[in-house]
Amino acid sequence: MDYLVELARRPDLLEAIKHKSLDSSDPAKSLLGVAFLATEYPNAWIVEVVHQFYAHPELASQVWVNLRYCATFRPQLAKYEVDKDLRVE
């Protein structure tokens, strides 16, 4: 199991890369330069992302953190918080 491949396959990956915390990152800029691959050639996009993740592990780390602020995670967080409140009472 390759965790970087799993990370590269996340649906909100492009949103996490576009997050403002990565604006000045050269690896993030290079990925944004080939962002069209995400829609036109998804497998090539994953290969590019995994390559950048292995070449720059700090990019993978920051993307993992940024995923917390993306659209897919928000409903999961809301559900967790609501369920937590229901368990306490």
PDB file of N, CA and C in Angstrom:
ATOM      1  N   MET A   1       0.848  -1.173   0.000  1.00  0.00           N
ATOM      2  CA  MET A   1       0.000   0.000   0.000  1.00  0.00           C
ATOM      3  C   MET A   1       0.894   1.236   0.000  1.00  0.00           C
ATOM      4  N   ASP A   2       0.647   2.102  -0.941  1.00  0.00           N
ATOM      5  CA  ASP A   2       1.424   3.328  -1.065  1.00  0.00           C
ATOM      6  C   ASP A   2       0.549   4.500  -0.627  1.00  0.00           C
ATOM      7  N   TYR A   3       0.916   5.089   0.494  1.00  0.00           N
ATOM      8  CA  TYR A   3       0.100   6.168   1.039  1.00  0.00           C
ATOM      9  C   TYR A   3       0.125   7.418   0.169  1.00  0.00           C
ATOM     10  N   LEU A   4       1.219   7.636  -0.530  1.00  0.00           N
ATOM     11  CA  LEU A   4       1.287   8.816  -1.386  1.00  0.00           C
ATOM     12  C   LEU A   4       0.370   8.673  -2.596  1.00  0.00           C
ATOM     13  N   VAL A   5       0.213   7.458  -3.096  1.00  0.00           N
ATOM     14  CA  VAL A   5      -0.736   7.231  -4.191  1.00  0.00           C
ATOM     15  C   VAL A   5      -2.157   7.451  -3.691  1.00  0.00           C
ATOM     16  N   GLU A   6      -2.447   6.947  -2.503  1.00  0.00           N
ATOM     17  CA  GLU A   6      -3.782   7.177  -1.924  1.00  0.00           C
ATOM     18  C   GLU A   6      -4.053   8.664  -1.763  1.00  0.00           C
ATOM     19  N   LEU A   7      -3.052   9.387  -1.301  1.00  0.00           N
ATOM     20  CA  LEU A   7      -3.199  10.830  -1.146  1.00  0.00           C
ATOM     21  C   LEU A   7      -3.414  11.502  -2.500  1.00  0.00           C
ATOM     22  N   ALA A   8      -2.708  11.041  -3.519  1.00  0.00           N
ATOM     23  CA  ALA A   8      -2.834  11.621  -4.855  1.00  0.00           C
ATOM     24  C   ALA A   8      -4.198  11.352  -5.476  1.00  0.00           C
ATOM     25  N   ARG A   9      -4.887  10.335  -5.016  1.00  0.00           N
ATOM     26  CA  ARG A   9      -6.203   9.991  -5.573  1.00  0.00           C
ATOM     27  C   ARG A   9      -7.363  10.670  -4.854  1.00  0.00           C
ATOM     28  N   ARG A  10      -7.075  11.483  -3.870  1.00  0.00           N
ATOM     29  CA  ARG A  10      -8.150  12.162  -3.144  1.00  0.00           C
ATOM     30  C   ARG A  10      -8.912  13.100  -4.076  1.00  0.00           C
ATOM     31  N   PRO A  11     -10.245  13.143  -3.982  1.00  0.00           N
ATOM     32  CA  PRO A  11     -11.027  13.985  -4.896  1.00  0.00           C
ATOM     33  C   PRO A  11     -10.764  15.486  -4.723  1.00  0.00           C
ATOM     34  N   ASP A  12     -10.350  15.906  -3.543  1.00  0.00           N
ATOM     35  CA  ASP A  12     -10.117  17.325  -3.284  1.00  0.00           C
ATOM     36  C   ASP A  12      -8.646  17.711  -3.403  1.00  0.00           C
ATOM     37  N   LEU A  13      -7.862  16.881  -4.038  1.00  0.00           N
ATOM     38  CA  LEU A  13      -6.424  17.124  -4.102  1.00  0.00           C
ATOM     39  C   LEU A  13      -6.088  18.465  -4.750  1.00  0.00           C
ATOM     40  N   LEU A  14      -6.711  18.768  -5.859  1.00  0.00           N
ATOM     41  CA  LEU A  14      -6.419  20.027  -6.549  1.00  0.00           C
ATOM     42  C   LEU A  14      -6.777  21.220  -5.670  1.00  0.00           C
ATOM     43  N   GLU A  15      -7.879  21.120  -4.959  1.00  0.00           N
ATOM     44  CA  GLU A  15      -8.270  22.192  -4.031  1.00  0.00           C
ATOM     45  C   GLU A  15      -7.225  22.346  -2.929  1.00  0.00           C
ATOM     46  N   ALA A  16      -6.702  21.237  -2.431  1.00  0.00           N
ATOM     47  CA  ALA A  16      -5.681  21.286  -1.374  1.00  0.00           C
ATOM     48  C   ALA A  16      -4.379  21.889  -1.896  1.00  0.00           C
ATOM     49  N   ILE A  17      -4.048  21.609  -3.149  1.00  0.00           N
ATOM     50  CA  ILE A  17      -2.831  22.176  -3.727  1.00  0.00           C
ATOM     51  C   ILE A  17      -2.991  23.668  -3.970  1.00  0.00           C
ATOM     52  N   LYS A  18      -4.202  24.089  -4.316  1.00  0.00           N
ATOM     53  CA  LYS A  18      -4.462  25.511  -4.571  1.00  0.00           C
ATOM     54  C   LYS A  18      -4.575  26.323  -3.286  1.00  0.00           C
ATOM     55  N   HIS A  19      -4.629  25.671  -2.149  1.00  0.00           N
ATOM     56  CA  HIS A  19      -4.796  26.369  -0.865  1.00  0.00           C
ATOM     57  C   HIS A  19      -3.682  27.390  -0.684  1.00  0.00           C
ATOM     58  N   LYS A  20      -4.004  28.504  -0.055  1.00  0.00           N
ATOM     59  CA  LYS A  20      -3.070  29.626   0.041  1.00  0.00           C
ATOM     60  C   LYS A  20      -1.756  29.282   0.738  1.00  0.00           C
ATOM     61  N   SER A  21      -1.709  28.259   1.555  1.00  0.00           N
ATOM     62  CA  SER A  21      -0.474  27.921   2.250  1.00  0.00           C
ATOM     63  C   SER A  21       0.595  27.380   1.304  1.00  0.00           C
ATOM     64  N   LEU A  22       0.195  26.984   0.087  1.00  0.00           N
ATOM     65  CA  LEU A  22       1.156  26.455  -0.880  1.00  0.00           C
ATOM     66  C   LEU A  22       1.443  27.416  -2.026  1.00  0.00           C
ATOM     67  N   ASP A  23       0.982  28.642  -1.941  1.00  0.00           N
ATOM     68  CA  ASP A  23       1.119  29.581  -3.057  1.00  0.00           C
ATOM     69  C   ASP A  23       2.562  29.782  -3.506  1.00  0.00           C
ATOM     70  N   SER A  24       3.484  29.833  -2.574  1.00  0.00           N
ATOM     71  CA  SER A  24       4.874  30.133  -2.933  1.00  0.00           C
ATOM     72  C   SER A  24       5.708  28.873  -3.165  1.00  0.00           C
ATOM     73  N   SER A  25       5.111  27.728  -3.079  1.00  0.00           N
ATOM     74  CA  SER A  25       5.840  26.471  -3.221  1.00  0.00           C
ATOM     75  C   SER A  25       6.086  26.160  -4.701  1.00  0.00           C
ATOM     76  N   ASP A  26       7.348  25.948  -5.074  1.00  0.00           N
ATOM     77  CA  ASP A  26       7.678  25.620  -6.467  1.00  0.00           C
ATOM     78  C   ASP A  26       7.050  24.308  -6.922  1.00  0.00           C
ATOM     79  N   PRO A  27       7.095  23.241  -6.109  1.00  0.00           N
ATOM     80  CA  PRO A  27       6.436  22.002  -6.556  1.00  0.00           C
ATOM     81  C   PRO A  27       4.932  22.188  -6.771  1.00  0.00           C
ATOM     82  N   ALA A  28       4.296  22.979  -5.921  1.00  0.00           N
ATOM     83  CA  ALA A  28       2.859  23.230  -6.087  1.00  0.00           C
ATOM     84  C   ALA A  28       2.606  24.023  -7.364  1.00  0.00           C
ATOM     85  N   LYS A  29       3.471  24.984  -7.660  1.00  0.00           N
ATOM     86  CA  LYS A  29       3.318  25.767  -8.893  1.00  0.00           C
ATOM     87  C   LYS A  29       3.460  24.868 -10.115  1.00  0.00           C
ATOM     88  N   SER A  30       4.409  23.930 -10.070  1.00  0.00           N
ATOM     89  CA  SER A  30       4.587  23.043 -11.223  1.00  0.00           C
ATOM     90  C   SER A  30       3.373  22.133 -11.400  1.00  0.00           C
ATOM     91  N   LEU A  31       2.759  21.708 -10.283  1.00  0.00           N
ATOM     92  CA  LEU A  31       1.545  20.892 -10.397  1.00  0.00           C
ATOM     93  C   LEU A  31       0.383  21.707 -10.935  1.00  0.00           C
ATOM     94  N   LEU A  32       0.294  22.941 -10.524  1.00  0.00           N
ATOM     95  CA  LEU A  32      -0.783  23.784 -11.027  1.00  0.00           C
ATOM     96  C   LEU A  32      -0.607  24.054 -12.519  1.00  0.00           C
ATOM     97  N   GLY A  33       0.627  23.994 -12.977  1.00  0.00           N
ATOM     98  CA  GLY A  33       0.885  24.169 -14.394  1.00  0.00           C
ATOM     99  C   GLY A  33       0.364  23.030 -15.250  1.00  0.00           C
ATOM    100  N   VAL A  34       0.207  21.863 -14.648  1.00  0.00           N
ATOM    101  CA  VAL A  34      -0.322  20.702 -15.377  1.00  0.00           C
ATOM    102  C   VAL A  34      -1.664  20.259 -14.794  1.00  0.00           C
ATOM    103  N   ALA A  35      -2.355  21.177 -14.153  1.00  0.00           N
ATOM    104  CA  ALA A  35      -3.629  20.851 -13.502  1.00  0.00           C
ATOM    105  C   ALA A  35      -4.692  20.383 -14.486  1.00  0.00           C
ATOM    106  N   PHE A  36      -4.542  20.752 -15.763  1.00  0.00           N
ATOM    107  CA  PHE A  36      -5.507  20.297 -16.765  1.00  0.00           C
ATOM    108  C   PHE A  36      -5.526  18.771 -16.863  1.00  0.00           C
ATOM    109  N   LEU A  37      -4.434  18.128 -16.457  1.00  0.00           N
ATOM    110  CA  LEU A  37      -4.378  16.672 -16.491  1.00  0.00           C
ATOM    111  C   LEU A  37      -5.411  16.041 -15.561  1.00  0.00           C
ATOM    112  N   ALA A  38      -5.766  16.738 -14.501  1.00  0.00           N
ATOM    113  CA  ALA A  38      -6.718  16.197 -13.524  1.00  0.00           C
ATOM    114  C   ALA A  38      -8.052  15.854 -14.168  1.00  0.00           C
ATOM    115  N   THR A  39      -8.454  16.641 -15.158  1.00  0.00           N
ATOM    116  CA  THR A  39      -9.734  16.369 -15.818  1.00  0.00           C
ATOM    117  C   THR A  39      -9.563  15.644 -17.146  1.00  0.00           C
ATOM    118  N   GLU A  40      -8.510  15.985 -17.882  1.00  0.00           N
ATOM    119  CA  GLU A  40      -8.336  15.391 -19.207  1.00  0.00           C
ATOM    120  C   GLU A  40      -7.676  14.010 -19.169  1.00  0.00           C
ATOM    121  N   TYR A  41      -6.682  13.857 -18.300  1.00  0.00           N
ATOM    122  CA  TYR A  41      -5.937  12.594 -18.195  1.00  0.00           C
ATOM    123  C   TYR A  41      -5.690  12.283 -16.716  1.00  0.00           C
ATOM    124  N   PRO A  42      -6.705  11.782 -16.012  1.00  0.00           N
ATOM    125  CA  PRO A  42      -6.595  11.596 -14.559  1.00  0.00           C
ATOM    126  C   PRO A  42      -5.428  10.700 -14.126  1.00  0.00           C
ATOM    127  N   ASN A  43      -5.141   9.644 -14.874  1.00  0.00           N
ATOM    128  CA  ASN A  43      -4.035   8.772 -14.478  1.00  0.00           C
ATOM    129  C   ASN A  43      -2.692   9.472 -14.615  1.00  0.00           C
ATOM    130  N   ALA A  44      -2.525  10.276 -15.658  1.00  0.00           N
ATOM    131  CA  ALA A  44      -1.290  11.044 -15.818  1.00  0.00           C
ATOM    132  C   ALA A  44      -1.158  12.076 -14.697  1.00  0.00           C
ATOM    133  N   TRP A  45      -2.280  12.648 -14.282  1.00  0.00           N
ATOM    134  CA  TRP A  45      -2.281  13.603 -13.158  1.00  0.00           C
ATOM    135  C   TRP A  45      -1.783  12.925 -11.894  1.00  0.00           C
ATOM    136  N   ILE A  46      -2.275  11.735 -11.612  1.00  0.00           N
ATOM    137  CA  ILE A  46      -1.860  11.015 -10.404  1.00  0.00           C
ATOM    138  C   ILE A  46      -0.364  10.720 -10.459  1.00  0.00           C
ATOM    139  N   VAL A  47       0.137  10.324 -11.625  1.00  0.00           N
ATOM    140  CA  VAL A  47       1.568  10.053 -11.769  1.00  0.00           C
ATOM    141  C   VAL A  47       2.380  11.317 -11.493  1.00  0.00           C
ATOM    142  N   GLU A  48       1.958  12.456 -12.030  1.00  0.00           N
ATOM    143  CA  GLU A  48       2.668  13.716 -11.796  1.00  0.00           C
ATOM    144  C   GLU A  48       2.668  14.085 -10.314  1.00  0.00           C
ATOM    145  N   VAL A  49       1.515  13.927  -9.678  1.00  0.00           N
ATOM    146  CA  VAL A  49       1.399  14.276  -8.261  1.00  0.00           C
ATOM    147  C   VAL A  49       2.278  13.359  -7.411  1.00  0.00           C
ATOM    148  N   VAL A  50       2.224  12.066  -7.668  1.00  0.00           N
ATOM    149  CA  VAL A  50       3.039  11.124  -6.888  1.00  0.00           C
ATOM    150  C   VAL A  50       4.521  11.429  -7.088  1.00  0.00           C
ATOM    151  N   HIS A  51       4.909  11.757  -8.305  1.00  0.00           N
ATOM    152  CA  HIS A  51       6.313  12.124  -8.561  1.00  0.00           C
ATOM    153  C   HIS A  51       6.723  13.324  -7.706  1.00  0.00           C
ATOM    154  N   GLN A  52       5.877  14.352  -7.674  1.00  0.00           N
ATOM    155  CA  GLN A  52       6.179  15.535  -6.861  1.00  0.00           C
ATOM    156  C   GLN A  52       6.182  15.207  -5.373  1.00  0.00           C
ATOM    157  N   PHE A  53       5.289  14.329  -4.942  1.00  0.00           N
ATOM    158  CA  PHE A  53       5.248  13.948  -3.532  1.00  0.00           C
ATOM    159  C   PHE A  53       6.536  13.239  -3.109  1.00  0.00           C
ATOM    160  N   TYR A  54       7.043  12.354  -3.959  1.00  0.00           N
ATOM    161  CA  TYR A  54       8.283  11.662  -3.625  1.00  0.00           C
ATOM    162  C   TYR A  54       9.482  12.597  -3.707  1.00  0.00           C
ATOM    163  N   ALA A  55       9.472  13.505  -4.671  1.00  0.00           N
ATOM    164  CA  ALA A  55      10.579  14.443  -4.817  1.00  0.00           C
ATOM    165  C   ALA A  55      10.581  15.508  -3.716  1.00  0.00           C
ATOM    166  N   HIS A  56       9.390  15.833  -3.220  1.00  0.00           N
ATOM    167  CA  HIS A  56       9.244  16.889  -2.207  1.00  0.00           C
ATOM    168  C   HIS A  56       8.278  16.410  -1.121  1.00  0.00           C
ATOM    169  N   PRO A  57       8.755  15.634  -0.168  1.00  0.00           N
ATOM    170  CA  PRO A  57       7.858  15.102   0.882  1.00  0.00           C
ATOM    171  C   PRO A  57       7.138  16.183   1.676  1.00  0.00           C
ATOM    172  N   GLU A  58       7.746  17.362   1.791  1.00  0.00           N
ATOM    173  CA  GLU A  58       7.080  18.453   2.514  1.00  0.00           C
ATOM    174  C   GLU A  58       5.814  18.902   1.788  1.00  0.00           C
ATOM    175  N   LEU A  59       5.789  18.762   0.467  1.00  0.00           N
ATOM    176  CA  LEU A  59       4.576  19.072  -0.295  1.00  0.00           C
ATOM    177  C   LEU A  59       3.457  18.101   0.074  1.00  0.00           C
ATOM    178  N   ALA A  60       3.784  16.818   0.126  1.00  0.00           N
ATOM    179  CA  ALA A  60       2.780  15.810   0.496  1.00  0.00           C
ATOM    180  C   ALA A  60       2.244  16.075   1.903  1.00  0.00           C
ATOM    181  N   SER A  61       3.135  16.433   2.786  1.00  0.00           N
ATOM    182  CA  SER A  61       2.729  16.722   4.161  1.00  0.00           C
ATOM    183  C   SER A  61       1.777  17.914   4.223  1.00  0.00           C
ATOM    184  N   GLN A  62       2.105  18.970   3.506  1.00  0.00           N
ATOM    185  CA  GLN A  62       1.257  20.165   3.532  1.00  0.00           C
ATOM    186  C   GLN A  62      -0.075  19.916   2.842  1.00  0.00           C
ATOM    187  N   VAL A  63      -0.065  19.136   1.770  1.00  0.00           N
ATOM    188  CA  VAL A  63      -1.326  18.803   1.096  1.00  0.00           C
ATOM    189  C   VAL A  63      -2.217  18.001   2.033  1.00  0.00           C
ATOM    190  N   TRP A  64      -1.634  17.071   2.780  1.00  0.00           N
ATOM    191  CA  TRP A  64      -2.399  16.276   3.739  1.00  0.00           C
ATOM    192  C   TRP A  64      -3.074  17.192   4.764  1.00  0.00           C
ATOM    193  N   VAL A  65      -2.345  18.173   5.248  1.00  0.00           N
ATOM    194  CA  VAL A  65      -2.911  19.125   6.205  1.00  0.00           C
ATOM    195  C   VAL A  65      -4.002  19.958   5.538  1.00  0.00           C
ATOM    196  N   ASN A  66      -3.753  20.396   4.309  1.00  0.00           N
ATOM    197  CA  ASN A  66      -4.723  21.246   3.606  1.00  0.00           C
ATOM    198  C   ASN A  66      -6.025  20.527   3.294  1.00  0.00           C
ATOM    199  N   LEU A  67      -5.990  19.224   3.192  1.00  0.00           N
ATOM    200  CA  LEU A  67      -7.223  18.485   2.903  1.00  0.00           C
ATOM    201  C   LEU A  67      -8.281  18.703   3.983  1.00  0.00           C
ATOM    202  N   ARG A  68      -7.850  19.095   5.172  1.00  0.00           N
ATOM    203  CA  ARG A  68      -8.803  19.379   6.247  1.00  0.00           C
ATOM    204  C   ARG A  68      -9.697  20.568   5.920  1.00  0.00           C
ATOM    205  N   TYR A  69      -9.270  21.414   5.015  1.00  0.00           N
ATOM    206  CA  TYR A  69     -10.018  22.627   4.696  1.00  0.00           C
ATOM    207  C   TYR A  69     -10.797  22.504   3.391  1.00  0.00           C
ATOM    208  N   CYS A  70     -10.867  21.313   2.836  1.00  0.00           N
ATOM    209  CA  CYS A  70     -11.502  21.117   1.535  1.00  0.00           C
ATOM    210  C   CYS A  70     -12.953  20.650   1.685  1.00  0.00           C
ATOM    211  N   ALA A  71     -13.664  20.688   0.578  1.00  0.00           N
ATOM    212  CA  ALA A  71     -15.103  20.457   0.558  1.00  0.00           C
ATOM    213  C   ALA A  71     -15.517  19.073   1.066  1.00  0.00           C
ATOM    214  N   THR A  72     -14.782  18.041   0.739  1.00  0.00           N
ATOM    215  CA  THR A  72     -15.171  16.689   1.134  1.00  0.00           C
ATOM    216  C   THR A  72     -15.060  16.482   2.642  1.00  0.00           C
ATOM    217  N   PHE A  73     -14.099  17.132   3.264  1.00  0.00           N
ATOM    218  CA  PHE A  73     -13.880  16.915   4.690  1.00  0.00           C
ATOM    219  C   PHE A  73     -14.892  17.647   5.565  1.00  0.00           C
ATOM    220  N   ARG A  74     -15.411  18.766   5.104  1.00  0.00           N
ATOM    221  CA  ARG A  74     -16.313  19.557   5.946  1.00  0.00           C
ATOM    222  C   ARG A  74     -17.560  18.800   6.390  1.00  0.00           C
ATOM    223  N   PRO A  75     -18.277  18.090   5.506  1.00  0.00           N
ATOM    224  CA  PRO A  75     -19.439  17.329   5.978  1.00  0.00           C
ATOM    225  C   PRO A  75     -19.050  16.216   6.963  1.00  0.00           C
ATOM    226  N   GLN A  76     -17.881  15.602   6.751  1.00  0.00           N
ATOM    227  CA  GLN A  76     -17.423  14.561   7.685  1.00  0.00           C
ATOM    228  C   GLN A  76     -17.174  15.165   9.060  1.00  0.00           C
ATOM    229  N   LEU A  77     -16.551  16.329   9.085  1.00  0.00           N
ATOM    230  CA  LEU A  77     -16.287  17.006  10.350  1.00  0.00           C
ATOM    231  C   LEU A  77     -17.592  17.408  11.031  1.00  0.00           C
ATOM    232  N   ALA A  78     -18.536  17.938  10.260  1.00  0.00           N
ATOM    233  CA  ALA A  78     -19.824  18.347  10.823  1.00  0.00           C
ATOM    234  C   ALA A  78     -20.560  17.141  11.411  1.00  0.00           C
ATOM    235  N   LYS A  79     -20.560  16.027  10.698  1.00  0.00           N
ATOM    236  CA  LYS A  79     -21.222  14.820  11.187  1.00  0.00           C
ATOM    237  C   LYS A  79     -20.558  14.338  12.475  1.00  0.00           C
ATOM    238  N   TYR A  80     -19.244  14.358  12.500  1.00  0.00           N
ATOM    239  CA  TYR A  80     -18.514  13.949  13.700  1.00  0.00           C
ATOM    240  C   TYR A  80     -18.876  14.834  14.887  1.00  0.00           C
ATOM    241  N   GLU A  81     -18.921  16.134  14.670  1.00  0.00           N
ATOM    242  CA  GLU A  81     -19.237  17.063  15.758  1.00  0.00           C
ATOM    243  C   GLU A  81     -20.669  16.873  16.252  1.00  0.00           C
ATOM    244  N   VAL A  82     -21.604  16.671  15.338  1.00  0.00           N
ATOM    245  CA  VAL A  82     -23.003  16.460  15.730  1.00  0.00           C
ATOM    246  C   VAL A  82     -23.141  15.152  16.499  1.00  0.00           C
ATOM    247  N   ASP A  83     -22.507  14.099  15.988  1.00  0.00           N
ATOM    248  CA  ASP A  83     -22.563  12.809  16.677  1.00  0.00           C
ATOM    249  C   ASP A  83     -21.928  12.888  18.057  1.00  0.00           C
ATOM    250  N   LYS A  84     -20.844  13.653  18.181  1.00  0.00           N
ATOM    251  CA  LYS A  84     -20.179  13.804  19.466  1.00  0.00           C
ATOM    252  C   LYS A  84     -21.100  14.494  20.460  1.00  0.00           C
ATOM    253  N   ASP A  85     -21.816  15.525  20.002  1.00  0.00           N
ATOM    254  CA  ASP A  85     -22.741  16.226  20.882  1.00  0.00           C
ATOM    255  C   ASP A  85     -23.883  15.320  21.313  1.00  0.00           C
ATOM    256  N   LEU A  86     -24.356  14.459  20.432  1.00  0.00           N
ATOM    257  CA  LEU A  86     -25.448  13.556  20.760  1.00  0.00           C
ATOM    258  C   LEU A  86     -25.013  12.484  21.776  1.00  0.00           C
ATOM    259  N   ARG A  87     -23.763  12.057  21.712  1.00  0.00           N
ATOM    260  CA  ARG A  87     -23.267  11.035  22.636  1.00  0.00           C
ATOM    261  C   ARG A  87     -23.101  11.581  24.044  1.00  0.00           C
ATOM    262  N   VAL A  88     -22.774  12.862  24.160  1.00  0.00           N
ATOM    263  CA  VAL A  88     -22.522  13.453  25.475  1.00  0.00           C
ATOM    264  C   VAL A  88     -23.803  13.555  26.269  1.00  0.00           C
ATOM    265  N   GLU A  89     -24.891  13.830  25.610  1.00  0.00           N
ATOM    266  CA  GLU A  89     -26.154  14.048  26.328  1.00  0.00           C
ATOM    267  C   GLU A  89     -26.812  12.809  26.770  1.00  0.00           C
TER     268      GLU A  89
END
